[in-house]
N, C-alpha and C. Protein backbone atom coordinates (compact mmCIF):
# COMPACT_ATOMS: atom_id res chain seq x y z
N MET A 1 0.85 -1.18 0.00
CA MET A 1 0.00 0.00 0.00
C MET A 1 0.89 1.24 0.00
N PHE A 2 0.51 2.23 -0.77
CA PHE A 2 1.26 3.47 -0.80
C PHE A 2 0.36 4.62 -1.24
N PHE A 3 0.81 5.83 -0.97
CA PHE A 3 0.20 7.06 -1.48
C PHE A 3 1.30 7.86 -2.13
N LYS A 4 0.94 8.85 -2.91
CA LYS A 4 1.94 9.72 -3.53
C LYS A 4 1.94 11.07 -2.83
N ASP A 5 3.16 11.59 -2.61
CA ASP A 5 3.28 12.92 -2.01
C ASP A 5 3.04 13.98 -3.08
N ASP A 6 3.21 15.23 -2.74
CA ASP A 6 2.92 16.31 -3.67
C ASP A 6 3.95 16.46 -4.79
N ASN A 7 5.03 15.70 -4.72
CA ASN A 7 6.00 15.65 -5.82
C ASN A 7 5.82 14.40 -6.67
N GLY A 8 4.86 13.56 -6.31
CA GLY A 8 4.62 12.33 -7.04
C GLY A 8 5.44 11.15 -6.57
N ASN A 9 6.18 11.28 -5.46
CA ASN A 9 6.98 10.19 -4.91
C ASN A 9 6.08 9.23 -4.13
N ARG A 10 6.33 7.94 -4.29
CA ARG A 10 5.57 6.93 -3.56
C ARG A 10 6.00 6.90 -2.10
N VAL A 11 5.01 6.89 -1.21
CA VAL A 11 5.25 6.86 0.23
C VAL A 11 4.50 5.66 0.80
N GLY A 12 5.21 4.86 1.58
CA GLY A 12 4.60 3.68 2.18
C GLY A 12 5.20 3.38 3.54
N ASN A 13 4.97 2.17 4.00
CA ASN A 13 5.43 1.71 5.30
C ASN A 13 6.94 1.92 5.44
N GLY A 14 7.35 2.57 6.54
CA GLY A 14 8.77 2.79 6.84
C GLY A 14 9.33 4.11 6.35
N ASN A 15 8.59 4.84 5.51
CA ASN A 15 9.07 6.13 5.04
C ASN A 15 8.83 7.23 6.07
N ILE A 16 9.52 8.34 5.90
CA ILE A 16 9.34 9.54 6.73
C ILE A 16 8.76 10.62 5.81
N ILE A 17 7.77 11.35 6.31
CA ILE A 17 7.21 12.47 5.55
C ILE A 17 7.41 13.76 6.34
N LYS A 18 7.33 14.89 5.62
CA LYS A 18 7.43 16.21 6.23
C LYS A 18 6.23 17.04 5.81
N PHE A 19 5.74 17.85 6.75
CA PHE A 19 4.69 18.81 6.47
C PHE A 19 4.75 19.89 7.54
N SER A 20 3.97 20.92 7.36
CA SER A 20 3.91 21.99 8.37
C SER A 20 2.47 22.43 8.54
N TYR A 21 2.21 23.09 9.67
CA TYR A 21 0.89 23.60 9.96
C TYR A 21 1.00 24.79 10.90
N GLY A 22 -0.07 25.57 10.99
CA GLY A 22 -0.20 26.62 11.99
C GLY A 22 0.49 27.93 11.69
N ILE A 23 0.19 28.90 12.57
CA ILE A 23 0.82 30.21 12.56
C ILE A 23 1.18 30.51 14.00
N PRO A 24 2.44 30.61 14.37
CA PRO A 24 3.61 30.46 13.51
C PRO A 24 3.74 29.02 13.01
N VAL A 25 4.46 28.84 11.94
CA VAL A 25 4.59 27.55 11.29
C VAL A 25 5.30 26.54 12.18
N VAL A 26 4.71 25.36 12.29
CA VAL A 26 5.30 24.24 13.04
C VAL A 26 5.65 23.17 12.02
N SER A 27 6.93 22.78 11.96
CA SER A 27 7.38 21.74 11.04
C SER A 27 7.26 20.38 11.73
N VAL A 28 6.86 19.37 10.93
CA VAL A 28 6.65 18.03 11.47
C VAL A 28 7.34 17.01 10.57
N GLU A 29 8.00 16.04 11.19
CA GLU A 29 8.49 14.85 10.51
C GLU A 29 7.77 13.68 11.14
N ALA A 30 7.16 12.84 10.32
CA ALA A 30 6.39 11.71 10.84
C ALA A 30 6.79 10.42 10.14
N LYS A 31 6.93 9.37 10.92
CA LYS A 31 7.23 8.05 10.36
C LYS A 31 5.91 7.38 9.99
N ILE A 32 5.89 6.76 8.82
CA ILE A 32 4.69 6.10 8.33
C ILE A 32 4.79 4.60 8.61
N SER A 33 3.72 4.04 9.16
CA SER A 33 3.62 2.61 9.42
C SER A 33 2.25 2.12 8.98
N GLN A 34 2.18 0.85 8.65
CA GLN A 34 0.90 0.26 8.28
C GLN A 34 0.25 -0.33 9.52
N LYS A 35 -1.02 0.01 9.75
CA LYS A 35 -1.75 -0.45 10.93
C LYS A 35 -3.20 -0.70 10.51
N ASN A 36 -3.67 -1.93 10.71
CA ASN A 36 -5.05 -2.29 10.35
C ASN A 36 -5.39 -1.95 8.91
N GLY A 37 -4.44 -2.16 7.99
CA GLY A 37 -4.69 -1.91 6.58
C GLY A 37 -4.65 -0.45 6.17
N LYS A 38 -4.21 0.43 7.06
CA LYS A 38 -4.12 1.86 6.76
C LYS A 38 -2.70 2.33 6.98
N LEU A 39 -2.30 3.38 6.27
CA LEU A 39 -1.01 4.00 6.51
C LEU A 39 -1.20 5.10 7.54
N ILE A 40 -0.50 4.95 8.65
CA ILE A 40 -0.63 5.86 9.79
C ILE A 40 0.69 6.59 9.99
N GLY A 41 0.62 7.90 10.19
CA GLY A 41 1.79 8.70 10.50
C GLY A 41 1.90 8.90 12.00
N TYR A 42 3.13 8.78 12.52
CA TYR A 42 3.37 8.93 13.95
C TYR A 42 4.27 10.13 14.20
N CYS A 43 3.81 11.04 15.04
CA CYS A 43 4.58 12.22 15.45
C CYS A 43 4.23 12.50 16.91
N PRO A 44 4.82 11.73 17.84
CA PRO A 44 4.42 11.76 19.25
C PRO A 44 4.54 13.11 19.95
N GLU A 45 5.37 14.01 19.43
CA GLU A 45 5.53 15.31 20.09
C GLU A 45 4.46 16.33 19.67
N HIS A 46 3.50 15.90 18.84
CA HIS A 46 2.44 16.80 18.35
C HIS A 46 1.08 16.27 18.79
N ASN A 47 0.06 17.10 18.61
CA ASN A 47 -1.30 16.73 18.97
C ASN A 47 -2.19 16.83 17.74
N PRO A 48 -2.74 15.75 17.25
CA PRO A 48 -2.70 14.39 17.76
C PRO A 48 -1.37 13.72 17.42
N PRO A 49 -1.00 12.68 18.18
CA PRO A 49 0.29 12.03 17.97
C PRO A 49 0.32 11.05 16.79
N GLU A 50 -0.83 10.78 16.19
CA GLU A 50 -0.87 9.94 15.00
C GLU A 50 -2.02 10.39 14.11
N PHE A 51 -1.93 10.04 12.82
CA PHE A 51 -2.94 10.47 11.86
C PHE A 51 -3.00 9.47 10.71
N ASN A 52 -4.14 9.46 10.03
CA ASN A 52 -4.32 8.63 8.85
C ASN A 52 -3.75 9.40 7.66
N LEU A 53 -2.78 8.81 6.97
CA LEU A 53 -2.14 9.50 5.85
C LEU A 53 -3.14 9.85 4.75
N ARG A 54 -4.15 9.02 4.56
CA ARG A 54 -5.16 9.27 3.52
C ARG A 54 -5.83 10.63 3.69
N THR A 55 -6.04 11.07 4.92
CA THR A 55 -6.78 12.31 5.17
C THR A 55 -5.88 13.50 5.52
N LEU A 56 -4.57 13.30 5.57
CA LEU A 56 -3.66 14.38 6.00
C LEU A 56 -3.79 15.63 5.13
N ARG A 57 -3.87 15.47 3.82
CA ARG A 57 -3.90 16.62 2.91
C ARG A 57 -5.09 17.54 3.20
N LYS A 58 -6.15 16.98 3.72
CA LYS A 58 -7.33 17.79 4.06
C LYS A 58 -7.02 18.79 5.17
N TYR A 59 -6.07 18.46 6.03
CA TYR A 59 -5.76 19.29 7.19
C TYR A 59 -4.52 20.17 7.03
N VAL A 60 -3.54 19.73 6.26
CA VAL A 60 -2.30 20.49 6.16
C VAL A 60 -1.98 20.97 4.75
N GLY A 61 -2.77 20.61 3.77
CA GLY A 61 -2.47 21.03 2.40
C GLY A 61 -1.50 20.09 1.73
N SER A 62 -0.23 20.35 1.82
CA SER A 62 0.76 19.51 1.13
C SER A 62 1.68 18.81 2.11
N TRP A 63 2.22 17.69 1.65
CA TRP A 63 3.22 16.94 2.43
C TRP A 63 4.15 16.26 1.46
N TYR A 64 5.36 15.96 1.95
CA TYR A 64 6.43 15.45 1.09
C TYR A 64 7.21 14.33 1.75
N LYS A 65 7.69 13.40 0.94
CA LYS A 65 8.57 12.34 1.42
C LYS A 65 9.91 12.96 1.80
N ALA A 66 10.41 12.61 2.97
CA ALA A 66 11.69 13.15 3.43
C ALA A 66 12.83 12.49 2.68
N ASP A 67 13.88 13.23 2.40
CA ASP A 67 15.07 12.72 1.72
C ASP A 67 16.04 12.17 2.75
N ILE A 68 15.68 11.04 3.34
CA ILE A 68 16.53 10.45 4.38
C ILE A 68 17.12 9.15 3.86
């Protein structure tokens, strides 16, 4: 299972993504894992500490695969 980031890169289990939100801007790096057939992003230092990757774009606009 995978989704494409805003550059068209495939993102799946084990990848890291980056996005930002808020004013002032808060940068986030989240590890993607597969859980119950869904791709879930984990960022424990933020609220909420996890999110469904399928719906992330609705809340933050764009997100990108990290070059790690």
